[in-house]
Amino acid sequence: MNFNWPIIGHDKLKKNLQTGIRNQSMAHAYLFYGPKKVGKTLTAKFFAKSILCENYRKRFYGKAGDDTTPCGQCSACRQVENRIYPDLYFLERESAKKSGVKQQISVSQVRDLLTRINKRSFLNSYKVVIIPEAEYLSVQAANSLLKTLEEPFAKTVIILIAGEKRNILPTILSRSRILKFLPVARTAIYDYLVEKGANRELAKELSFMAHGRPTVAMKLFTDKELLREYRQMNKEILGLLKNDVIEKFKQIEQHTKKGQDKEKIQQKLTYLTGLLRDVLLVKNYKRELLANPYLEEELSVFAEQKSTGELCRLIYGAEQAKEYIKANINSRLVLENLLLNN
């Protein structure tokens, strides 16, 4: 049985999952955890597609040989791709009607899901549940799900996806097969981009920009407008570091304006740490490793203004700021404390 999963990196994890499929020995629950945009959700999708593919079902019932899985051509594969397969379920956060802010996954959502997967399969196949942001399960929702993990339904696979393992209940962890996703090697991202038609200069730039996140690299490669916006945002953030106090106040207000969710602000802080890393590279004569080579001149000017110690403190402060914002501390106060004191 051959597997053709177009996923960059994670070879050991893919082998682990594919061996389970080949031997029909999948766990009833998995936790995929690791940084954002490294391929967790994409892996979950191809894992699900492989299980639900009609070729795999034929093999399971002894009616096929070593068919390629997933085939990508059968009705099941096409339906999974479009998220309309009747035995594939996604449990996702819902947005509040008034504010539009995403809420925790509620116990009522979990109970509704369990009612549906407790019924007979529509197509006599496996039932697969994917929970993309499992760390946002409310305590009640997590406990409700736990009952199913303790007494799992037959031919049902639940895939939880999270950023950090510590945000998942220990009782759920103990009943799940845990797979840790790490940032992907820059060379693997570079090679994949070249294979997909990127010229070597762009592939090199994007592989550095991605910071080990293949999803980011591919989005920037396929969406030229997004790449332009990304470069512009980095330029603005670098400019923010060089502005005087009054201008910094104005810019902070702009970046934390009402309606901007904390995840976007955390993303901007991630851009900031990437820029500061580049400044350190300039300062240490490693310009060939820059993630943002189009800003080399501006980075050089800032490198002359800051010592290595100051830059390291700024990077530490930016990482700490992300944790504060995640803990719901006022974003504006956090950014003012970070940027006005450096």
Protein backbone atom coordinates (compact mmCIF):
# COMPACT_ATOMS: atom_id res chain seq x y z
CA MET A 1 0.00 0.00 0.00
CA ASN A 2 1.50 3.31 -1.10
CA PHE A 3 0.83 6.69 0.51
CA ASN A 4 1.05 9.93 -1.37
CA TRP A 5 0.53 12.63 1.25
CA PRO A 6 1.72 16.04 -0.05
CA ILE A 7 2.97 17.10 3.37
CA ILE A 8 6.34 18.78 3.84
CA GLY A 9 8.50 17.13 6.50
CA HIS A 10 7.24 15.12 9.51
CA ASP A 11 8.44 11.85 7.96
CA LYS A 12 8.49 9.88 11.23
CA LEU A 13 5.01 11.04 12.19
CA LYS A 14 3.63 10.20 8.76
CA LYS A 15 5.21 6.75 8.94
CA ASN A 16 3.65 6.19 12.37
CA LEU A 17 0.17 7.08 11.10
CA GLN A 18 0.53 5.20 7.83
CA THR A 19 1.70 2.05 9.61
CA GLY A 20 -1.47 2.16 11.72
CA ILE A 21 -3.58 2.44 8.57
CA ARG A 22 -1.69 -0.34 6.80
CA ASN A 23 -2.02 -2.68 9.78
CA GLN A 24 -5.57 -1.57 10.63
CA SER A 25 -4.35 -0.68 14.11
CA MET A 26 -5.32 2.99 14.45
CA ALA A 27 -5.78 4.42 17.93
CA HIS A 28 -9.29 5.57 18.84
CA ALA A 29 -7.92 9.02 19.74
CA TYR A 30 -4.90 11.09 18.69
CA LEU A 31 -3.47 14.40 19.83
CA PHE A 32 -1.50 16.34 17.22
CA TYR A 33 0.26 19.23 18.95
CA GLY A 34 2.90 21.77 18.04
CA PRO A 35 3.35 25.28 16.60
CA LYS A 36 0.79 26.76 14.24
CA LYS A 37 1.11 26.33 10.48
CA VAL A 38 3.51 23.39 10.59
CA GLY A 39 1.09 20.91 9.01
CA LYS A 40 -0.97 19.41 11.86
CA THR A 41 -4.38 20.03 10.28
CA LEU A 42 -3.18 19.02 6.81
CA THR A 43 -1.83 15.76 8.23
CA ALA A 44 -5.12 15.14 10.01
CA LYS A 45 -6.98 15.68 6.74
CA PHE A 46 -4.86 13.18 4.79
CA PHE A 47 -4.99 10.70 7.66
CA ALA A 48 -8.80 10.95 7.57
CA LYS A 49 -8.86 10.76 3.77
CA SER A 50 -6.74 7.60 3.84
CA ILE A 51 -9.06 5.91 6.35
CA LEU A 52 -12.24 6.92 4.52
CA CYS A 53 -10.99 6.27 0.97
CA GLU A 54 -13.04 3.61 -0.80
CA ASN A 55 -9.83 1.72 -1.62
CA TYR A 56 -9.01 1.42 2.07
CA ARG A 57 -12.51 0.18 2.86
CA LYS A 58 -12.16 -2.46 0.15
CA ARG A 59 -8.84 -3.53 1.68
CA PHE A 60 -10.36 -3.60 5.16
CA TYR A 61 -12.99 -6.03 3.97
CA GLY A 62 -10.48 -8.08 2.00
CA LYS A 63 -11.68 -7.00 -1.45
CA ALA A 64 -8.57 -5.17 -2.64
CA GLY A 65 -4.84 -5.57 -2.77
CA ASP A 66 -2.20 -2.92 -2.20
CA ASP A 67 -4.24 -0.02 -3.54
CA THR A 68 -2.78 3.45 -3.31
CA THR A 69 -4.31 5.22 -0.31
CA PRO A 70 -5.81 7.75 -0.53
CA CYS A 71 -6.60 7.51 -4.22
CA GLY A 72 -7.88 11.11 -4.41
CA GLN A 73 -10.32 10.09 -7.14
CA CYS A 74 -13.14 8.18 -5.45
CA SER A 75 -16.29 9.93 -4.22
CA ALA A 76 -15.15 9.54 -0.60
CA CYS A 77 -11.83 11.32 -1.24
CA ARG A 78 -13.58 14.14 -3.09
CA GLN A 79 -16.18 14.54 -0.34
CA VAL A 80 -13.51 14.59 2.38
CA GLU A 81 -11.61 17.25 0.43
CA ASN A 82 -14.77 19.40 0.37
CA ARG A 83 -15.66 18.54 3.98
CA ILE A 84 -19.03 17.05 3.04
CA TYR A 85 -18.34 13.36 3.74
CA PRO A 86 -21.21 12.22 6.03
CA ASP A 87 -18.96 10.27 8.41
CA LEU A 88 -16.38 13.04 8.81
CA TYR A 89 -17.08 15.54 11.59
CA PHE A 90 -15.36 18.81 12.48
CA LEU A 91 -15.84 20.20 15.98
CA GLU A 92 -14.91 23.89 15.78
CA ARG A 93 -15.27 27.03 17.83
CA GLU A 94 -18.34 29.15 17.14
CA SER A 95 -18.38 32.94 17.00
CA ALA A 96 -20.54 35.05 19.29
CA LYS A 97 -23.44 36.57 17.36
CA LYS A 98 -22.90 40.14 18.58
CA SER A 99 -19.13 40.52 18.85
CA GLY A 100 -18.03 37.93 16.30
CA VAL A 101 -15.37 36.76 18.77
CA LYS A 102 -14.77 33.02 18.78
CA GLN A 103 -15.99 31.22 21.88
CA GLN A 104 -14.83 28.07 23.62
CA ILE A 105 -16.12 24.75 22.31
CA SER A 106 -19.17 24.17 24.47
CA VAL A 107 -20.48 21.04 26.18
CA SER A 108 -23.63 21.25 24.04
CA GLN A 109 -21.49 21.04 20.88
CA VAL A 110 -19.74 17.94 22.21
CA ARG A 111 -23.01 16.30 23.24
CA ASP A 112 -24.47 16.96 19.80
CA LEU A 113 -21.38 15.44 18.19
CA LEU A 114 -21.54 12.34 20.39
CA THR A 115 -25.19 11.84 19.53
CA ARG A 116 -24.33 11.86 15.84
CA ILE A 117 -21.29 9.55 15.98
CA ASN A 118 -23.20 7.12 18.21
CA LYS A 119 -25.48 6.39 15.27
CA ARG A 120 -24.71 3.86 12.56
CA SER A 121 -22.24 4.97 9.88
CA PHE A 122 -23.93 6.44 6.82
CA LEU A 123 -21.61 4.65 4.39
CA ASN A 124 -20.50 1.69 6.51
CA SER A 125 -17.10 3.31 6.90
CA TYR A 126 -15.02 4.58 9.77
CA LYS A 127 -16.24 7.75 11.48
CA VAL A 128 -13.56 10.41 11.88
CA VAL A 129 -13.77 13.46 14.15
CA ILE A 130 -11.30 16.35 13.80
CA ILE A 131 -11.13 19.00 16.55
CA PRO A 132 -8.83 21.76 15.14
CA GLU A 133 -8.52 23.84 18.34
CA ALA A 134 -8.82 21.29 21.10
CA GLU A 135 -7.26 23.60 23.71
CA TYR A 136 -10.47 25.65 23.51
CA LEU A 137 -12.66 22.84 24.76
CA SER A 138 -14.42 24.12 27.87
CA VAL A 139 -13.84 22.02 31.01
CA GLN A 140 -17.37 20.64 30.76
CA ALA A 141 -16.91 19.89 27.04
CA ALA A 142 -13.58 18.13 27.68
CA ASN A 143 -15.11 16.01 30.43
CA SER A 144 -18.02 15.08 28.18
CA LEU A 145 -15.58 14.01 25.45
CA LEU A 146 -13.56 12.07 28.01
CA LYS A 147 -16.43 9.66 28.60
CA THR A 148 -16.27 8.67 24.93
CA LEU A 149 -12.49 8.23 25.06
CA GLU A 150 -12.90 5.91 28.05
CA GLU A 151 -15.51 3.82 26.20
CA PRO A 152 -14.81 4.54 22.51
CA PHE A 153 -17.31 3.89 19.76
CA ALA A 154 -16.40 1.12 17.32
CA LYS A 155 -14.59 2.19 14.12
CA THR A 156 -14.34 5.79 15.29
CA VAL A 157 -11.16 7.89 15.27
CA ILE A 158 -10.96 11.24 17.07
CA ILE A 159 -8.12 13.63 16.20
CA LEU A 160 -7.49 16.52 18.57
CA ILE A 161 -5.25 19.33 17.33
CA ALA A 162 -3.64 21.80 19.73
CA GLY A 163 -0.76 24.22 20.07
CA GLU A 164 0.48 22.93 23.41
CA LYS A 165 -0.01 19.64 25.20
CA ARG A 166 -0.30 21.35 28.57
CA ASN A 167 -3.61 22.90 27.55
CA ILE A 168 -5.29 19.49 27.27
CA LEU A 169 -6.71 17.65 30.29
CA PRO A 170 -4.27 15.00 31.56
CA THR A 171 -7.09 12.44 31.54
CA ILE A 172 -7.59 13.05 27.80
CA LEU A 173 -3.84 12.85 27.18
CA SER A 174 -3.65 9.48 28.91
CA ARG A 175 -6.25 8.08 26.51
CA SER A 176 -4.77 9.48 23.32
CA ARG A 177 -1.82 8.63 21.09
CA ILE A 178 0.30 11.78 21.25
CA LEU A 179 2.23 13.06 18.22
CA LYS A 180 4.41 16.14 18.55
CA PHE A 181 4.85 18.29 15.43
CA LEU A 182 8.04 20.36 15.24
CA PRO A 183 8.99 23.17 12.83
CA VAL A 184 10.07 21.75 9.49
CA ALA A 185 13.67 22.05 8.30
CA ARG A 186 14.24 25.09 6.08
CA THR A 187 15.90 22.92 3.43
CA ALA A 188 12.79 20.72 3.17
CA ILE A 189 10.59 23.79 2.64
CA TYR A 190 13.06 25.19 0.11
CA ASP A 191 13.18 21.93 -1.88
CA TYR A 192 9.39 21.67 -1.94
CA LEU A 193 8.97 25.25 -3.18
CA VAL A 194 11.48 24.68 -5.97
CA GLU A 195 9.65 21.48 -6.89
CA LYS A 196 6.42 23.50 -7.11
CA GLY A 197 7.99 26.00 -9.51
CA ALA A 198 9.43 28.76 -7.31
CA ASN A 199 12.71 30.24 -8.52
CA ARG A 200 15.62 29.60 -6.19
CA GLU A 201 15.88 33.16 -4.90
CA LEU A 202 12.19 33.31 -3.93
CA ALA A 203 12.29 29.78 -2.49
CA LYS A 204 15.23 30.75 -0.30
CA GLU A 205 13.48 33.92 0.92
CA LEU A 206 10.18 32.15 1.64
CA SER A 207 11.87 29.21 3.38
CA PHE A 208 13.50 31.68 5.78
CA MET A 209 10.32 33.73 6.18
CA ALA A 210 8.33 30.63 7.10
CA HIS A 211 10.38 29.90 10.26
CA GLY A 212 9.69 26.18 9.90
CA ARG A 213 6.00 26.57 8.96
CA PRO A 214 5.31 25.01 5.54
CA THR A 215 1.73 26.30 5.45
CA VAL A 216 3.01 29.88 5.70
CA ALA A 217 5.55 29.29 2.94
CA MET A 218 2.97 27.83 0.55
CA LYS A 219 0.43 30.59 1.20
CA LEU A 220 3.04 33.27 0.52
CA PHE A 221 4.14 31.45 -2.64
CA THR A 222 0.63 31.00 -4.07
CA ASP A 223 -0.78 34.40 -3.04
CA LYS A 224 1.36 37.29 -4.31
CA GLU A 225 -0.90 39.88 -2.67
CA LEU A 226 -0.49 38.17 0.69
CA LEU A 227 3.30 38.21 0.20
CA ARG A 228 3.15 41.94 -0.56
CA GLU A 229 1.06 42.55 2.59
CA TYR A 230 3.44 40.43 4.67
CA ARG A 231 6.43 42.45 3.51
CA GLN A 232 4.59 45.72 4.12
CA MET A 233 3.56 44.66 7.64
CA ASN A 234 7.16 43.76 8.50
CA LYS A 235 8.31 47.12 7.18
CA GLU A 236 5.74 48.93 9.34
CA ILE A 237 6.69 46.97 12.45
CA LEU A 238 10.39 47.68 11.92
CA GLY A 239 9.49 51.36 11.46
CA LEU A 240 7.60 51.26 14.75
CA LEU A 241 10.80 50.27 16.56
CA LYS A 242 12.61 53.32 15.19
CA ASN A 243 9.86 55.91 15.82
CA ASP A 244 9.89 58.50 18.59
CA VAL A 245 7.65 58.13 21.66
CA ILE A 246 4.70 60.14 20.30
CA GLU A 247 4.66 58.23 17.04
CA LYS A 248 4.95 54.93 18.92
CA PHE A 249 1.81 55.83 20.92
CA LYS A 250 -0.07 56.48 17.66
CA GLN A 251 1.13 53.27 16.06
CA ILE A 252 0.32 51.15 19.14
CA GLU A 253 -3.20 52.59 19.13
CA GLN A 254 -3.52 51.65 15.46
CA HIS A 255 -2.27 48.10 16.03
CA THR A 256 -4.61 47.53 18.99
CA LYS A 257 -7.69 49.28 17.64
CA LYS A 258 -11.10 47.96 18.63
CA GLY A 259 -12.13 44.79 16.85
CA GLN A 260 -8.60 43.46 16.34
CA ASP A 261 -8.46 40.07 18.05
CA LYS A 262 -5.56 39.04 20.22
CA GLU A 263 -4.40 36.36 17.77
CA LYS A 264 -3.62 39.03 15.17
CA ILE A 265 -1.67 41.05 17.73
CA GLN A 266 0.24 37.92 18.74
CA GLN A 267 1.01 37.34 15.07
CA LYS A 268 2.47 40.85 14.80
CA LEU A 269 4.64 40.12 17.82
CA THR A 270 5.85 36.99 16.02
CA TYR A 271 6.80 39.19 13.06
CA LEU A 272 8.61 41.46 15.53
CA THR A 273 10.72 38.63 16.96
CA GLY A 274 11.59 37.55 13.41
CA LEU A 275 12.76 41.07 12.58
CA LEU A 276 14.81 41.31 15.76
CA ARG A 277 16.41 37.96 14.91
CA ASP A 278 17.37 39.46 11.54
CA VAL A 279 18.89 42.49 13.27
CA LEU A 280 21.02 40.13 15.37
CA LEU A 281 22.13 38.33 12.20
CA VAL A 282 23.18 41.64 10.63
CA LYS A 283 25.04 42.55 13.78
CA ASN A 284 26.88 39.22 13.72
CA TYR A 285 27.74 39.32 9.99
CA LYS A 286 25.29 36.56 8.96
CA ARG A 287 23.34 38.49 6.35
CA GLU A 288 22.98 35.43 4.12
CA LEU A 289 20.57 33.97 6.69
CA LEU A 290 18.15 36.93 6.74
CA ALA A 291 14.45 36.03 6.61
CA ASN A 292 13.66 39.51 5.31
CA PRO A 293 16.49 40.39 2.91
CA TYR A 294 14.39 43.14 1.26
CA LEU A 295 14.75 45.09 4.55
CA GLU A 296 18.52 44.68 4.80
CA GLU A 297 19.26 48.41 4.68
CA GLU A 298 16.71 49.28 7.39
CA LEU A 299 17.87 46.34 9.53
CA SER A 300 21.45 47.56 9.29
CA VAL A 301 20.51 51.04 10.53
CA PHE A 302 18.66 49.59 13.53
CA ALA A 303 21.53 47.17 14.27
CA GLU A 304 23.85 50.15 14.73
CA GLN A 305 21.48 51.68 17.30
CA LYS A 306 21.08 48.65 19.57
CA SER A 307 23.51 46.42 21.43
CA THR A 308 23.26 42.65 21.32
CA GLY A 309 22.03 42.65 24.92
CA GLU A 310 19.27 45.17 24.14
CA LEU A 311 18.13 43.10 21.17
CA CYS A 312 18.03 39.91 23.21
CA ARG A 313 15.97 41.67 25.91
CA LEU A 314 13.57 42.92 23.23
CA ILE A 315 13.13 39.41 21.82
CA TYR A 316 12.49 38.04 25.30
CA GLY A 317 10.06 40.88 25.98
CA ALA A 318 8.16 40.21 22.74
CA GLU A 319 7.79 36.51 23.58
CA GLN A 320 6.63 37.43 27.08
CA ALA A 321 4.17 39.95 25.61
CA LYS A 322 2.54 37.17 23.57
CA GLU A 323 1.96 35.18 26.76
CA TYR A 324 0.49 38.23 28.51
CA ILE A 325 -1.93 38.85 25.63
CA LYS A 326 -2.85 35.18 25.58
CA ALA A 327 -3.71 35.55 29.28
CA ASN A 328 -6.10 38.41 28.35
CA ILE A 329 -3.98 41.24 29.72
CA ASN A 330 -4.80 44.53 27.94
CA SER A 331 -2.98 44.44 24.58
CA ARG A 332 -2.34 48.18 24.45
CA LEU A 333 -0.72 48.22 27.89
CA VAL A 334 1.42 45.22 26.99
CA LEU A 335 2.71 46.83 23.78
CA GLU A 336 3.33 50.18 25.48
CA ASN A 337 5.36 48.44 28.17
CA LEU A 338 7.35 46.55 25.54
CA LEU A 339 8.03 49.33 23.05
CA LEU A 340 8.18 52.49 25.11
CA ASN A 341 10.75 51.10 27.52
CA ASN A 342 13.18 50.01 24.80
